[in-house]
Amino acid sequence: NLIINSNITLLPFTDGIPIYPPVDAILVMQSILPYSIRPEL
């Protein structure tokens, strides 16, 4: 549902593969219990 826009970048998530948010970005995520955070993130 993302619009095509030059300032939007999709970082594809894959089960079992680590993913790092950009270092200088503010990470916005749904609040969840800390132990429920996916290990890939």
PDB file of all heavy atoms in Angstrom:
ATOM      1  N   ASN A   1       0.793  -1.226   0.000  1.00  0.00           N
ATOM      2  CA  ASN A   1       0.000   0.000   0.000  1.00  0.00           C
ATOM      3  C   ASN A   1       0.825   1.277   0.000  1.00  0.00           C
ATOM      4  O   ASN A   1       0.286   2.360   0.214  1.00  0.00           O
ATOM      5  CB  ASN A   1      -0.942  -0.007   1.210  1.00  0.00           C
ATOM      6  CG  ASN A   1      -2.056  -1.011   1.030  1.00  0.00           C
ATOM      7  OD1 ASN A   1      -2.987  -0.778   0.277  1.00  0.00           O
ATOM      8  ND2 ASN A   1      -1.945  -2.152   1.692  1.00  0.00           N
ATOM      9  N   LEU A   2       2.118   1.153  -0.220  1.00  0.00           N
ATOM     10  CA  LEU A   2       2.968   2.339  -0.274  1.00  0.00           C
ATOM     11  C   LEU A   2       2.816   3.040  -1.620  1.00  0.00           C
ATOM     12  O   LEU A   2       2.735   2.389  -2.662  1.00  0.00           O
ATOM     13  CB  LEU A   2       4.439   1.961  -0.075  1.00  0.00           C
ATOM     14  CG  LEU A   2       4.816   1.421   1.304  1.00  0.00           C
ATOM     15  CD1 LEU A   2       6.275   0.982   1.309  1.00  0.00           C
ATOM     16  CD2 LEU A   2       4.565   2.465   2.382  1.00  0.00           C
ATOM     17  N   ILE A   3       2.791   4.363  -1.579  1.00  0.00           N
ATOM     18  CA  ILE A   3       2.812   5.123  -2.821  1.00  0.00           C
ATOM     19  C   ILE A   3       4.235   5.097  -3.373  1.00  0.00           C
ATOM     20  O   ILE A   3       5.184   4.856  -2.633  1.00  0.00           O
ATOM     21  CB  ILE A   3       2.331   6.583  -2.609  1.00  0.00           C
ATOM     22  CG1 ILE A   3       3.261   7.325  -1.629  1.00  0.00           C
ATOM     23  CG2 ILE A   3       0.894   6.633  -2.160  1.00  0.00           C
ATOM     24  CD1 ILE A   3       2.994   8.813  -1.503  1.00  0.00           C
ATOM     25  N   ILE A   4       4.373   5.314  -4.640  1.00  0.00           N
ATOM     26  CA  ILE A   4       5.708   5.413  -5.232  1.00  0.00           C
ATOM     27  C   ILE A   4       6.180   6.832  -4.977  1.00  0.00           C
ATOM     28  O   ILE A   4       5.573   7.798  -5.435  1.00  0.00           O
ATOM     29  CB  ILE A   4       5.677   5.085  -6.731  1.00  0.00           C
ATOM     30  CG1 ILE A   4       5.239   3.636  -6.917  1.00  0.00           C
ATOM     31  CG2 ILE A   4       7.036   5.347  -7.360  1.00  0.00           C
ATOM     32  CD1 ILE A   4       4.996   3.236  -8.349  1.00  0.00           C
ATOM     33  N   ASN A   5       7.256   6.938  -4.190  1.00  0.00           N
ATOM     34  CA  ASN A   5       7.755   8.250  -3.799  1.00  0.00           C
ATOM     35  C   ASN A   5       9.249   8.125  -3.544  1.00  0.00           C
ATOM     36  O   ASN A   5       9.703   7.148  -2.936  1.00  0.00           O
ATOM     37  CB  ASN A   5       7.016   8.724  -2.546  1.00  0.00           C
ATOM     38  CG  ASN A   5       7.181  10.194  -2.287  1.00  0.00           C
ATOM     39  OD1 ASN A   5       8.298  10.669  -2.136  1.00  0.00           O
ATOM     40  ND2 ASN A   5       6.071  10.913  -2.220  1.00  0.00           N
ATOM     41  N   SER A   6       9.991   9.117  -3.955  1.00  0.00           N
ATOM     42  CA  SER A   6      11.451   9.044  -3.848  1.00  0.00           C
ATOM     43  C   SER A   6      11.956   9.033  -2.411  1.00  0.00           C
ATOM     44  O   SER A   6      13.082   8.609  -2.164  1.00  0.00           O
ATOM     45  CB  SER A   6      12.093  10.204  -4.612  1.00  0.00           C
ATOM     46  OG  SER A   6      11.685  11.435  -4.030  1.00  0.00           O
ATOM     47  N   ASN A   7      11.156   9.470  -1.449  1.00  0.00           N
ATOM     48  CA  ASN A   7      11.643   9.482  -0.065  1.00  0.00           C
ATOM     49  C   ASN A   7      11.096   8.304   0.757  1.00  0.00           C
ATOM     50  O   ASN A   7      11.172   8.313   1.976  1.00  0.00           O
ATOM     51  CB  ASN A   7      11.405  10.827   0.614  1.00  0.00           C
ATOM     52  CG  ASN A   7       9.969  11.305   0.579  1.00  0.00           C
ATOM     53  OD1 ASN A   7       9.202  10.925  -0.290  1.00  0.00           O
ATOM     54  ND2 ASN A   7       9.611  12.144   1.519  1.00  0.00           N
ATOM     55  N   ILE A   8      10.565   7.280   0.104  1.00  0.00           N
ATOM     56  CA  ILE A   8      10.144   6.049   0.780  1.00  0.00           C
ATOM     57  C   ILE A   8      11.013   4.907   0.273  1.00  0.00           C
ATOM     58  O   ILE A   8      11.129   4.686  -0.927  1.00  0.00           O
ATOM     59  CB  ILE A   8       8.664   5.713   0.508  1.00  0.00           C
ATOM     60  CG1 ILE A   8       7.741   6.815   1.026  1.00  0.00           C
ATOM     61  CG2 ILE A   8       8.306   4.371   1.160  1.00  0.00           C
ATOM     62  CD1 ILE A   8       6.268   6.583   0.685  1.00  0.00           C
ATOM     63  N   THR A   9      11.628   4.174   1.214  1.00  0.00           N
ATOM     64  CA  THR A   9      12.452   3.023   0.863  1.00  0.00           C
ATOM     65  C   THR A   9      11.950   1.797   1.611  1.00  0.00           C
ATOM     66  O   THR A   9      11.847   1.822   2.844  1.00  0.00           O
ATOM     67  CB  THR A   9      13.932   3.281   1.255  1.00  0.00           C
ATOM     68  OG1 THR A   9      14.383   4.469   0.612  1.00  0.00           O
ATOM     69  CG2 THR A   9      14.811   2.104   0.867  1.00  0.00           C
ATOM     70  N   LEU A  10      11.639   0.754   0.876  1.00  0.00           N
ATOM     71  CA  LEU A  10      11.240  -0.513   1.498  1.00  0.00           C
ATOM     72  C   LEU A  10      12.482  -1.318   1.808  1.00  0.00           C
ATOM     73  O   LEU A  10      13.329  -1.542   0.940  1.00  0.00           O
ATOM     74  CB  LEU A  10      10.315  -1.306   0.570  1.00  0.00           C
ATOM     75  CG  LEU A  10       9.897  -2.681   1.088  1.00  0.00           C
ATOM     76  CD1 LEU A  10       9.036  -2.551   2.339  1.00  0.00           C
ATOM     77  CD2 LEU A  10       9.156  -3.449   0.001  1.00  0.00           C
ATOM     78  N   LEU A  11      12.610  -1.751   3.062  1.00  0.00           N
ATOM     79  CA  LEU A  11      13.674  -2.663   3.486  1.00  0.00           C
ATOM     80  C   LEU A  11      13.002  -4.019   3.675  1.00  0.00           C
ATOM     81  O   LEU A  11      12.330  -4.247   4.683  1.00  0.00           O
ATOM     82  CB  LEU A  11      14.329  -2.178   4.778  1.00  0.00           C
ATOM     83  CG  LEU A  11      14.923  -0.760   4.746  1.00  0.00           C
ATOM     84  CD1 LEU A  11      15.427  -0.355   6.124  1.00  0.00           C
ATOM     85  CD2 LEU A  11      16.034  -0.679   3.723  1.00  0.00           C
ATOM     86  N   PRO A  12      13.139  -4.930   2.710  1.00  0.00           N
ATOM     87  CA  PRO A  12      12.408  -6.200   2.772  1.00  0.00           C
ATOM     88  C   PRO A  12      12.791  -7.044   3.984  1.00  0.00           C
ATOM     89  O   PRO A  12      13.965  -7.240   4.277  1.00  0.00           O
ATOM     90  CB  PRO A  12      12.795  -6.909   1.476  1.00  0.00           C
ATOM     91  CG  PRO A  12      13.328  -5.842   0.594  1.00  0.00           C
ATOM     92  CD  PRO A  12      13.940  -4.816   1.493  1.00  0.00           C
ATOM     93  N   PHE A  13      11.770  -7.531   4.668  1.00  0.00           N
ATOM     94  CA  PHE A  13      11.931  -8.409   5.828  1.00  0.00           C
ATOM     95  C   PHE A  13      11.799  -9.845   5.341  1.00  0.00           C
ATOM     96  O   PHE A  13      10.908 -10.173   4.559  1.00  0.00           O
ATOM     97  CB  PHE A  13      10.852  -8.101   6.867  1.00  0.00           C
ATOM     98  CG  PHE A  13      10.954  -8.936   8.105  1.00  0.00           C
ATOM     99  CD1 PHE A  13      11.732  -8.515   9.171  1.00  0.00           C
ATOM    100  CD2 PHE A  13      10.274 -10.138   8.220  1.00  0.00           C
ATOM    101  CE1 PHE A  13      11.837  -9.278  10.325  1.00  0.00           C
ATOM    102  CE2 PHE A  13      10.374 -10.909   9.373  1.00  0.00           C
ATOM    103  CZ  PHE A  13      11.159 -10.468  10.426  1.00  0.00           C
ATOM    104  N   THR A  14      12.703 -10.696   5.824  1.00  0.00           N
ATOM    105  CA  THR A  14      12.655 -12.122   5.506  1.00  0.00           C
ATOM    106  C   THR A  14      12.790 -12.896   6.808  1.00  0.00           C
ATOM    107  O   THR A  14      13.695 -12.621   7.602  1.00  0.00           O
ATOM    108  CB  THR A  14      13.811 -12.505   4.552  1.00  0.00           C
ATOM    109  OG1 THR A  14      13.739 -11.668   3.389  1.00  0.00           O
ATOM    110  CG2 THR A  14      13.719 -13.957   4.143  1.00  0.00           C
ATOM    111  N   ASP A  15      11.892 -13.842   7.016  1.00  0.00           N
ATOM    112  CA  ASP A  15      11.968 -14.675   8.221  1.00  0.00           C
ATOM    113  C   ASP A  15      13.348 -15.310   8.325  1.00  0.00           C
ATOM    114  O   ASP A  15      13.865 -15.859   7.349  1.00  0.00           O
ATOM    115  CB  ASP A  15      10.902 -15.772   8.188  1.00  0.00           C
ATOM    116  CG  ASP A  15       9.487 -15.227   8.287  1.00  0.00           C
ATOM    117  OD1 ASP A  15       9.292 -14.169   8.906  1.00  0.00           O
ATOM    118  OD2 ASP A  15       8.576 -15.873   7.737  1.00  0.00           O
ATOM    119  N   GLY A  16      13.946 -15.221   9.518  1.00  0.00           N
ATOM    120  CA  GLY A  16      15.219 -15.876   9.777  1.00  0.00           C
ATOM    121  C   GLY A  16      16.454 -15.103   9.352  1.00  0.00           C
ATOM    122  O   GLY A  16      17.561 -15.541   9.633  1.00  0.00           O
ATOM    123  N   ILE A  17      16.274 -13.964   8.685  1.00  0.00           N
ATOM    124  CA  ILE A  17      17.418 -13.162   8.211  1.00  0.00           C
ATOM    125  C   ILE A  17      17.479 -11.866   9.025  1.00  0.00           C
ATOM    126  O   ILE A  17      16.498 -11.123   9.083  1.00  0.00           O
ATOM    127  CB  ILE A  17      17.273 -12.811   6.707  1.00  0.00           C
ATOM    128  CG1 ILE A  17      17.089 -14.063   5.863  1.00  0.00           C
ATOM    129  CG2 ILE A  17      18.457 -11.967   6.233  1.00  0.00           C
ATOM    130  CD1 ILE A  17      18.259 -15.002   5.833  1.00  0.00           C
ATOM    131  N   PRO A  18      18.622 -11.579   9.672  1.00  0.00           N
ATOM    132  CA  PRO A  18      18.730 -10.338  10.458  1.00  0.00           C
ATOM    133  C   PRO A  18      18.517  -9.090   9.598  1.00  0.00           C
ATOM    134  O   PRO A  18      18.903  -9.057   8.435  1.00  0.00           O
ATOM    135  CB  PRO A  18      20.162 -10.359  10.989  1.00  0.00           C
ATOM    136  CG  PRO A  18      20.606 -11.780  10.883  1.00  0.00           C
ATOM    137  CD  PRO A  18      19.855 -12.365   9.716  1.00  0.00           C
ATOM    138  N   ILE A  19      17.870  -8.092  10.202  1.00  0.00           N
ATOM    139  CA  ILE A  19      17.675  -6.806   9.527  1.00  0.00           C
ATOM    140  C   ILE A  19      17.965  -5.688  10.518  1.00  0.00           C
ATOM    141  O   ILE A  19      17.561  -5.753  11.678  1.00  0.00           O
ATOM    142  CB  ILE A  19      16.271  -6.673   8.914  1.00  0.00           C
ATOM    143  CG1 ILE A  19      16.199  -5.413   8.045  1.00  0.00           C
ATOM    144  CG2 ILE A  19      15.180  -6.686   9.970  1.00  0.00           C
ATOM    145  CD1 ILE A  19      15.111  -5.453   7.009  1.00  0.00           C
ATOM    146  N   TYR A  20      18.699  -4.699  10.042  1.00  0.00           N
ATOM    147  CA  TYR A  20      19.101  -3.569  10.865  1.00  0.00           C
ATOM    148  C   TYR A  20      18.428  -2.302  10.350  1.00  0.00           C
ATOM    149  O   TYR A  20      18.607  -1.964   9.171  1.00  0.00           O
ATOM    150  CB  TYR A  20      20.618  -3.370  10.801  1.00  0.00           C
ATOM    151  CG  TYR A  20      21.409  -4.486  11.436  1.00  0.00           C
ATOM    152  CD1 TYR A  20      21.694  -5.651  10.735  1.00  0.00           C
ATOM    153  CD2 TYR A  20      21.854  -4.367  12.741  1.00  0.00           C
ATOM    154  CE1 TYR A  20      22.413  -6.682  11.324  1.00  0.00           C
ATOM    155  CE2 TYR A  20      22.578  -5.399  13.334  1.00  0.00           C
ATOM    156  CZ  TYR A  20      22.854  -6.547  12.625  1.00  0.00           C
ATOM    157  OH  TYR A  20      23.562  -7.561  13.210  1.00  0.00           O
ATOM    158  N   PRO A  21      17.669  -1.620  11.190  1.00  0.00           N
ATOM    159  CA  PRO A  21      17.143  -0.322  10.763  1.00  0.00           C
ATOM    160  C   PRO A  21      18.316   0.629  10.512  1.00  0.00           C
ATOM    161  O   PRO A  21      19.381   0.478  11.114  1.00  0.00           O
ATOM    162  CB  PRO A  21      16.322   0.154  11.965  1.00  0.00           C
ATOM    163  CG  PRO A  21      16.094  -1.052  12.799  1.00  0.00           C
ATOM    164  CD  PRO A  21      17.246  -1.976  12.532  1.00  0.00           C
ATOM    165  N   PRO A  22      18.147   1.615   9.626  1.00  0.00           N
ATOM    166  CA  PRO A  22      19.226   2.580   9.405  1.00  0.00           C
ATOM    167  C   PRO A  22      19.669   3.214  10.725  1.00  0.00           C
ATOM    168  O   PRO A  22      18.842   3.541  11.576  1.00  0.00           O
ATOM    169  CB  PRO A  22      18.595   3.623   8.485  1.00  0.00           C
ATOM    170  CG  PRO A  22      17.504   2.865   7.787  1.00  0.00           C
ATOM    171  CD  PRO A  22      16.997   1.877   8.787  1.00  0.00           C
ATOM    172  N   VAL A  23      20.969   3.355  10.897  1.00  0.00           N
ATOM    173  CA  VAL A  23      21.551   3.803  12.169  1.00  0.00           C
ATOM    174  C   VAL A  23      21.011   5.146  12.619  1.00  0.00           C
ATOM    175  O   VAL A  23      20.716   5.341  13.789  1.00  0.00           O
ATOM    176  CB  VAL A  23      23.097   3.867  12.056  1.00  0.00           C
ATOM    177  CG1 VAL A  23      23.714   4.438  13.314  1.00  0.00           C
ATOM    178  CG2 VAL A  23      23.657   2.495  11.762  1.00  0.00           C
ATOM    179  N   ASP A  24      20.841   6.070  11.709  1.00  0.00           N
ATOM    180  CA  ASP A  24      20.443   7.419  12.092  1.00  0.00           C
ATOM    181  C   ASP A  24      18.940   7.673  11.974  1.00  0.00           C
ATOM    182  O   ASP A  24      18.485   8.806  12.005  1.00  0.00           O
ATOM    183  CB  ASP A  24      21.221   8.458  11.285  1.00  0.00           C
ATOM    184  CG  ASP A  24      21.181   8.170   9.790  1.00  0.00           C
ATOM    185  OD1 ASP A  24      20.652   7.111   9.389  1.00  0.00           O
ATOM    186  OD2 ASP A  24      21.666   9.022   9.032  1.00  0.00           O
ATOM    187  N   ALA A  25      18.146   6.609  11.836  1.00  0.00           N
ATOM    188  CA  ALA A  25      16.694   6.752  11.731  1.00  0.00           C
ATOM    189  C   ALA A  25      16.040   6.481  13.082  1.00  0.00           C
ATOM    190  O   ALA A  25      16.547   5.711  13.895  1.00  0.00           O
ATOM    191  CB  ALA A  25      16.142   5.787  10.688  1.00  0.00           C
ATOM    192  N   ILE A  26      14.905   7.110  13.306  1.00  0.00           N
ATOM    193  CA  ILE A  26      14.081   6.821  14.483  1.00  0.00           C
ATOM    194  C   ILE A  26      13.222   5.616  14.123  1.00  0.00           C
ATOM    195  O   ILE A  26      12.496   5.635  13.131  1.00  0.00           O
ATOM    196  CB  ILE A  26      13.194   8.023  14.850  1.00  0.00           C
ATOM    197  CG1 ILE A  26      14.067   9.226  15.216  1.00  0.00           C
ATOM    198  CG2 ILE A  26      12.244   7.663  15.992  1.00  0.00           C
ATOM    199  CD1 ILE A  26      13.300  10.536  15.336  1.00  0.00           C
ATOM    200  N   LEU A  27      13.334   4.557  14.911  1.00  0.00           N
ATOM    201  CA  LEU A  27      12.583   3.325  14.665  1.00  0.00           C
ATOM    202  C   LEU A  27      11.210   3.436  15.318  1.00  0.00           C
ATOM    203  O   LEU A  27      11.107   3.655  16.523  1.00  0.00           O
ATOM    204  CB  LEU A  27      13.350   2.118  15.224  1.00  0.00           C
ATOM    205  CG  LEU A  27      12.680   0.755  15.092  1.00  0.00           C
ATOM    206  CD1 LEU A  27      12.429   0.395  13.628  1.00  0.00           C
ATOM    207  CD2 LEU A  27      13.528  -0.307  15.767  1.00  0.00           C
ATOM    208  N   VAL A  28      10.168   3.293  14.512  1.00  0.00           N
ATOM    209  CA  VAL A  28       8.781   3.360  14.997  1.00  0.00           C
ATOM    210  C   VAL A  28       8.189   1.971  14.859  1.00  0.00           C
ATOM    211  O   VAL A  28       8.184   1.394  13.765  1.00  0.00           O
ATOM    212  CB  VAL A  28       7.943   4.365  14.172  1.00  0.00           C
ATOM    213  CG1 VAL A  28       6.511   4.421  14.690  1.00  0.00           C
ATOM    214  CG2 VAL A  28       8.586   5.746  14.194  1.00  0.00           C
ATOM    215  N   MET A  29       7.716   1.435  15.978  1.00  0.00           N
ATOM    216  CA  MET A  29       7.109   0.109  15.944  1.00  0.00           C
ATOM    217  C   MET A  29       5.985   0.019  16.971  1.00  0.00           C
ATOM    218  O   MET A  29       5.917   0.823  17.900  1.00  0.00           O
ATOM    219  CB  MET A  29       8.149  -0.983  16.193  1.00  0.00           C
ATOM    220  CG  MET A  29       8.875  -0.888  17.511  1.00  0.00           C
ATOM    221  SD  MET A  29      10.261  -2.038  17.654  1.00  0.00           S
ATOM    222  CE  MET A  29       9.420  -3.606  17.763  1.00  0.00           C
ATOM    223  N   GLN A  30       5.105  -0.926  16.766  1.00  0.00           N
ATOM    224  CA  GLN A  30       4.029  -1.144  17.724  1.00  0.00           C
ATOM    225  C   GLN A  30       4.637  -1.550  19.057  1.00  0.00           C
ATOM    226  O   GLN A  30       5.589  -2.331  19.104  1.00  0.00           O
ATOM    227  CB  GLN A  30       3.090  -2.237  17.226  1.00  0.00           C
ATOM    228  CG  GLN A  30       1.966  -2.549  18.197  1.00  0.00           C
ATOM    229  CD  GLN A  30       1.098  -3.700  17.734  1.00  0.00           C
ATOM    230  OE1 GLN A  30       1.506  -4.524  16.938  1.00  0.00           O
ATOM    231  NE2 GLN A  30      -0.110  -3.752  18.239  1.00  0.00           N
ATOM    232  N   SER A  31       4.101  -1.009  20.137  1.00  0.00           N
ATOM    233  CA  SER A  31       4.623  -1.403  21.441  1.00  0.00           C
ATOM    234  C   SER A  31       4.250  -2.863  21.703  1.00  0.00           C
ATOM    235  O   SER A  31       3.116  -3.275  21.514  1.00  0.00           O
ATOM    236  CB  SER A  31       4.094  -0.488  22.543  1.00  0.00           C
ATOM    237  OG  SER A  31       2.686  -0.502  22.566  1.00  0.00           O
ATOM    238  N   ILE A  32       5.276  -3.604  22.085  1.00  0.00           N
ATOM    239  CA  ILE A  32       5.093  -5.015  22.414  1.00  0.00           C
ATOM    240  C   ILE A  32       6.010  -5.337  23.584  1.00  0.00           C
ATOM    241  O   ILE A  32       6.913  -4.574  23.905  1.00  0.00           O
ATOM    242  CB  ILE A  32       5.402  -5.943  21.215  1.00  0.00           C
ATOM    243  CG1 ILE A  32       6.841  -5.755  20.730  1.00  0.00           C
ATOM    244  CG2 ILE A  32       4.418  -5.750  20.097  1.00  0.00           C
ATOM    245  CD1 ILE A  32       7.240  -6.732  19.628  1.00  0.00           C
ATOM    246  N   LEU A  33       5.767  -6.460  24.181  1.00  0.00           N
ATOM    247  CA  LEU A  33       6.631  -6.897  25.265  1.00  0.00           C
ATOM    248  C   LEU A  33       8.032  -7.136  24.705  1.00  0.00           C
ATOM    249  O   LEU A  33       8.177  -7.694  23.607  1.00  0.00           O
ATOM    250  CB  LEU A  33       6.078  -8.168  25.896  1.00  0.00           C
ATOM    251  CG  LEU A  33       4.719  -7.954  26.582  1.00  0.00           C
ATOM    252  CD1 LEU A  33       4.044  -9.281  26.839  1.00  0.00           C
ATOM    253  CD2 LEU A  33       4.896  -7.176  27.874  1.00  0.00           C
ATOM    254  N   PRO A  34       9.057  -6.707  25.408  1.00  0.00           N
ATOM    255  CA  PRO A  34      10.424  -6.796  24.883  1.00  0.00           C
ATOM    256  C   PRO A  34      10.828  -8.186  24.409  1.00  0.00           C
ATOM    257  O   PRO A  34      11.503  -8.325  23.391  1.00  0.00           O
ATOM    258  CB  PRO A  34      11.288  -6.350  26.058  1.00  0.00           C
ATOM    259  CG  PRO A  34      10.389  -5.551  26.918  1.00  0.00           C
ATOM    260  CD  PRO A  34       9.003  -6.095  26.722  1.00  0.00           C
ATOM    261  N   TYR A  35      10.396  -9.217  25.119  1.00  0.00           N
ATOM    262  CA  TYR A  35      10.773 -10.567  24.723  1.00  0.00           C
ATOM    263  C   TYR A  35      10.003 -11.049  23.491  1.00  0.00           C
ATOM    264  O   TYR A  35      10.309 -12.097  22.938  1.00  0.00           O
ATOM    265  CB  TYR A  35      10.609 -11.565  25.875  1.00  0.00           C
ATOM    266  CG  TYR A  35       9.209 -11.622  26.460  1.00  0.00           C
ATOM    267  CD1 TYR A  35       8.196 -12.339  25.848  1.00  0.00           C
ATOM    268  CD2 TYR A  35       8.914 -10.960  27.648  1.00  0.00           C
ATOM    269  CE1 TYR A  35       6.923 -12.389  26.374  1.00  0.00           C
ATOM    270  CE2 TYR A  35       7.647 -11.008  28.190  1.00  0.00           C
ATOM    271  CZ  TYR A  35       6.650 -11.722  27.549  1.00  0.00           C
ATOM    272  OH  TYR A  35       5.396 -11.757  28.076  1.00  0.00           O
ATOM    273  N   SER A  36       9.020 -10.257  23.027  1.00  0.00           N
ATOM    274  CA  SER A  36       8.242 -10.620  21.843  1.00  0.00           C
ATOM    275  C   SER A  36       8.808 -10.027  20.559  1.00  0.00           C
ATOM    276  O   SER A  36       8.315 -10.320  19.478  1.00  0.00           O
ATOM    277  CB  SER A  36       6.795 -10.142  21.996  1.00  0.00           C
ATOM    278  OG  SER A  36       6.203 -10.736  23.124  1.00  0.00           O
ATOM    279  N   ILE A  37       9.825  -9.182  20.675  1.00  0.00           N
ATOM    280  CA  ILE A  37      10.422  -8.577  19.490  1.00  0.00           C
ATOM    281  C   ILE A  37      11.072  -9.674  18.654  1.00  0.00           C
ATOM    282  O   ILE A  37      11.819 -10.511  19.177  1.00  0.00           O
ATOM    283  CB  ILE A  37      11.443  -7.491  19.879  1.00  0.00           C
ATOM    284  CG1 ILE A  37      10.727  -6.336  20.588  1.00  0.00           C
ATOM    285  CG2 ILE A  37      12.198  -6.979  18.653  1.00  0.00           C
ATOM    286  CD1 ILE A  37      11.651  -5.278  21.152  1.00  0.00           C
ATOM    287  N   ARG A  38      10.767  -9.689  17.382  1.00  0.00           N
ATOM    288  CA  ARG A  38      11.302 -10.716  16.494  1.00  0.00           C
ATOM    289  C   ARG A  38      12.826 -10.741  16.555  1.00  0.00           C
ATOM    290  O   ARG A  38      13.466  -9.687  16.555  1.00  0.00           O
ATOM    291  CB  ARG A  38      10.871 -10.436  15.044  1.00  0.00           C
ATOM    292  CG  ARG A  38       9.372 -10.449  14.767  1.00  0.00           C
ATOM    293  CD  ARG A  38       8.829 -11.827  14.540  1.00  0.00           C
ATOM    294  NE  ARG A  38       9.511 -12.592  13.541  1.00  0.00           N
ATOM    295  CZ  ARG A  38       9.027 -12.879  12.331  1.00  0.00           C
ATOM    296  NH1 ARG A  38       7.864 -12.439  11.948  1.00  0.00           N
ATOM    297  NH2 ARG A  38       9.727 -13.628  11.502  1.00  0.00           N
ATOM    298  N   PRO A  39      13.439 -11.922  16.609  1.00  0.00           N
ATOM    299  CA  PRO A  39      14.901 -12.004  16.707  1.00  0.00           C
ATOM    300  C   PRO A  39      15.609 -11.466  15.469  1.00  0.00           C
ATOM    301  O   PRO A  39      16.782 -11.097  15.546  1.00  0.00           O
ATOM    302  CB  PRO A  39      15.163 -13.498  16.895  1.00  0.00           C
ATOM    303  CG  PRO A  39      13.954 -14.186  16.363  1.00  0.00           C
ATOM    304  CD  PRO A  39      12.802 -13.239  16.604  1.00  0.00           C
ATOM    305  N   GLU A  40      14.922 -11.395  14.330  1.00  0.00           N
ATOM    306  CA  GLU A  40      15.543 -10.873  13.114  1.00  0.00           C
ATOM    307  C   GLU A  40      15.843  -9.373  13.230  1.00  0.00           C
ATOM    308  O   GLU A  40      16.774  -8.878  12.604  1.00  0.00           O
ATOM    309  CB  GLU A  40      14.631 -11.088  11.890  1.00  0.00           C
ATOM    310  CG  GLU A  40      14.426 -12.530  11.526  1.00  0.00           C
ATOM    311  CD  GLU A  40      13.201 -13.150  12.197  1.00  0.00           C
ATOM    312  OE1 GLU A  40      12.656 -12.558  13.163  1.00  0.00           O
ATOM    313  OE2 GLU A  40      12.789 -14.226  11.767  1.00  0.00           O
ATOM    314  N   LEU A  41      15.029  -8.651  14.000  1.00  0.00           N
ATOM    315  CA  LEU A  41      15.208  -7.209  14.134  1.00  0.00           C
ATOM    316  C   LEU A  41      16.369  -6.930  15.073  1.00  0.00           C
ATOM    317  O   LEU A  41      16.336  -7.251  16.258  1.00  0.00           O
ATOM    318  CB  LEU A  41      13.939  -6.540  14.673  1.00  0.00           C
ATOM    319  CG  LEU A  41      14.019  -5.030  14.859  1.00  0.00           C
ATOM    320  CD1 LEU A  41      14.249  -4.316  13.530  1.00  0.00           C
ATOM    321  CD2 LEU A  41      12.769  -4.504  15.536  1.00  0.00           C
TER     322      LEU A  41
END
